[in-house]
Amino acid sequence: MTDRARINEAVKRLVVRESRLAVDPATVDDLEPLNGDLLRVNSLGFLGMLVRLEDELDVTLPDDIFAGRVFTTVADLVDVVADVVKEES
């Protein structure tokens, strides 16, 4: 499994958990809004997800990578985390 696929899987699993959904994370579309009709990720939940992603992926997500960015979809978050993982490897 590629790093991006592993990150995508982890992000989807965590957003589904944060949204308290009983759906298979694999069924969540990459372009699904993080705070839309299906997923309900608020700012506090988003911060918690970042901490869990750091633990699960053994990566440090620097605070400055989030400055001025808007995370609208699952793919937006996957892109940023994938960039950090690539830089650290």
C-alpha atoms as a PDB file:
ATOM      1  CA  MET A   1       0.000   0.000   0.000  1.00  0.00           C
ATOM      2  CA  THR A   2       1.391   3.413  -0.933  1.00  0.00           C
ATOM      3  CA  ASP A   3       1.813   6.164   1.642  1.00  0.00           C
ATOM      4  CA  ARG A   4      -1.002   8.140   0.027  1.00  0.00           C
ATOM      5  CA  ALA A   5      -3.377   5.160   0.149  1.00  0.00           C
ATOM      6  CA  ARG A   6      -2.480   4.545   3.807  1.00  0.00           C
ATOM      7  CA  ILE A   7      -3.053   8.228   4.620  1.00  0.00           C
ATOM      8  CA  ASN A   8      -6.340   8.287   2.715  1.00  0.00           C
ATOM      9  CA  GLU A   9      -7.536   5.228   4.622  1.00  0.00           C
ATOM     10  CA  ALA A  10      -6.514   6.710   7.991  1.00  0.00           C
ATOM     11  CA  VAL A  11      -8.150  10.083   7.285  1.00  0.00           C
ATOM     12  CA  LYS A  12     -11.409   8.486   6.180  1.00  0.00           C
ATOM     13  CA  ARG A  13     -11.481   6.176   9.183  1.00  0.00           C
ATOM     14  CA  LEU A  14     -10.944   9.114  11.549  1.00  0.00           C
ATOM     15  CA  VAL A  15     -13.488  11.450   9.918  1.00  0.00           C
ATOM     16  CA  VAL A  16     -16.099   8.695  10.032  1.00  0.00           C
ATOM     17  CA  ARG A  17     -15.311   8.101  13.715  1.00  0.00           C
ATOM     18  CA  GLU A  18     -15.383  11.838  14.475  1.00  0.00           C
ATOM     19  CA  SER A  19     -18.729  12.160  12.669  1.00  0.00           C
ATOM     20  CA  ARG A  20     -20.061   9.215  14.684  1.00  0.00           C
ATOM     21  CA  LEU A  21     -21.214   7.406  11.573  1.00  0.00           C
ATOM     22  CA  ALA A  22     -21.885   3.724  11.081  1.00  0.00           C
ATOM     23  CA  VAL A  23     -20.588   3.598   7.515  1.00  0.00           C
ATOM     24  CA  ASP A  24     -17.618   1.894   5.921  1.00  0.00           C
ATOM     25  CA  PRO A  25     -14.888   4.550   5.624  1.00  0.00           C
ATOM     26  CA  ALA A  26     -13.993   3.161   2.187  1.00  0.00           C
ATOM     27  CA  THR A  27     -17.390   4.347   0.918  1.00  0.00           C
ATOM     28  CA  VAL A  28     -16.627   7.992   1.748  1.00  0.00           C
ATOM     29  CA  ASP A  29     -15.752   9.915  -1.404  1.00  0.00           C
ATOM     30  CA  ASP A  30     -12.489  11.869  -1.460  1.00  0.00           C
ATOM     31  CA  LEU A  31     -14.448  15.006  -2.373  1.00  0.00           C
ATOM     32  CA  GLU A  32     -16.905  14.603   0.503  1.00  0.00           C
ATOM     33  CA  PRO A  33     -17.116  17.853   2.510  1.00  0.00           C
ATOM     34  CA  LEU A  34     -15.672  17.567   6.009  1.00  0.00           C
ATOM     35  CA  ASN A  35     -18.621  19.510   7.379  1.00  0.00           C
ATOM     36  CA  GLY A  36     -21.512  18.715   5.097  1.00  0.00           C
ATOM     37  CA  ASP A  37     -24.576  16.499   5.011  1.00  0.00           C
ATOM     38  CA  LEU A  38     -22.668  13.262   5.703  1.00  0.00           C
ATOM     39  CA  LEU A  39     -19.567  14.209   7.661  1.00  0.00           C
ATOM     40  CA  ARG A  40     -19.840  16.535  10.642  1.00  0.00           C
ATOM     41  CA  VAL A  41     -16.331  17.584  11.632  1.00  0.00           C
ATOM     42  CA  ASN A  42     -16.184  20.760  13.714  1.00  0.00           C
ATOM     43  CA  SER A  43     -13.027  22.679  14.611  1.00  0.00           C
ATOM     44  CA  LEU A  44     -12.464  20.857  17.900  1.00  0.00           C
ATOM     45  CA  GLY A  45     -12.989  17.488  16.242  1.00  0.00           C
ATOM     46  CA  PHE A  46     -10.591  18.505  13.486  1.00  0.00           C
ATOM     47  CA  LEU A  47      -7.846  19.192  16.034  1.00  0.00           C
ATOM     48  CA  GLY A  48      -8.450  15.835  17.684  1.00  0.00           C
ATOM     49  CA  MET A  49      -8.209  14.111  14.315  1.00  0.00           C
ATOM     50  CA  LEU A  50      -4.860  15.775  13.649  1.00  0.00           C
ATOM     51  CA  VAL A  51      -3.457  14.436  16.914  1.00  0.00           C
ATOM     52  CA  ARG A  52      -4.730  10.925  16.125  1.00  0.00           C
ATOM     53  CA  LEU A  53      -3.299  11.140  12.603  1.00  0.00           C
ATOM     54  CA  GLU A  54       0.094  12.095  14.015  1.00  0.00           C
ATOM     55  CA  ASP A  55      -0.007   9.092  16.343  1.00  0.00           C
ATOM     56  CA  GLU A  56      -1.291   6.637  13.764  1.00  0.00           C
ATOM     57  CA  LEU A  57       1.048   7.705  10.958  1.00  0.00           C
ATOM     58  CA  ASP A  58       4.035   8.463  13.228  1.00  0.00           C
ATOM     59  CA  VAL A  59       4.398  11.942  11.753  1.00  0.00           C
ATOM     60  CA  THR A  60       4.508  15.482  13.147  1.00  0.00           C
ATOM     61  CA  LEU A  61       2.131  17.933  11.518  1.00  0.00           C
ATOM     62  CA  PRO A  62       3.680  21.392  12.011  1.00  0.00           C
ATOM     63  CA  ASP A  63       1.240  24.111  13.053  1.00  0.00           C
ATOM     64  CA  ASP A  64       2.341  26.451  10.262  1.00  0.00           C
ATOM     65  CA  ILE A  65       1.169  24.135   7.472  1.00  0.00           C
ATOM     66  CA  PHE A  66      -2.393  24.900   8.485  1.00  0.00           C
ATOM     67  CA  ALA A  67      -2.067  28.690   8.496  1.00  0.00           C
ATOM     68  CA  GLY A  68      -4.176  30.284   5.794  1.00  0.00           C
ATOM     69  CA  ARG A  69      -5.447  26.968   4.447  1.00  0.00           C
ATOM     70  CA  VAL A  70      -9.034  25.924   4.077  1.00  0.00           C
ATOM     71  CA  PHE A  71      -9.895  22.267   4.485  1.00  0.00           C
ATOM     72  CA  THR A  72     -13.170  21.686   2.739  1.00  0.00           C
ATOM     73  CA  THR A  73     -12.977  18.046   1.676  1.00  0.00           C
ATOM     74  CA  VAL A  74     -11.416  14.774   2.773  1.00  0.00           C
ATOM     75  CA  ALA A  75      -8.951  15.129  -0.124  1.00  0.00           C
ATOM     76  CA  ASP A  76      -7.793  18.545   1.158  1.00  0.00           C
ATOM     77  CA  LEU A  77      -6.693  16.984   4.434  1.00  0.00           C
ATOM     78  CA  VAL A  78      -5.152  13.947   2.726  1.00  0.00           C
ATOM     79  CA  ASP A  79      -3.108  16.227   0.438  1.00  0.00           C
ATOM     80  CA  VAL A  80      -1.556  18.164   3.326  1.00  0.00           C
ATOM     81  CA  VAL A  81      -0.779  15.081   5.404  1.00  0.00           C
ATOM     82  CA  ALA A  82       0.693  13.307   2.357  1.00  0.00           C
ATOM     83  CA  ASP A  83       2.980  16.291   1.713  1.00  0.00           C
ATOM     84  CA  VAL A  84       4.279  16.168   5.295  1.00  0.00           C
ATOM     85  CA  VAL A  85       4.835  12.406   5.174  1.00  0.00           C
ATOM     86  CA  LYS A  86       6.721  12.797   1.890  1.00  0.00           C
ATOM     87  CA  GLU A  87       8.940  15.525   3.370  1.00  0.00           C
ATOM     88  CA  GLU A  88       9.727  13.419   6.439  1.00  0.00           C
ATOM     89  CA  SER A  89      10.692  10.322   4.474  1.00  0.00           C
END
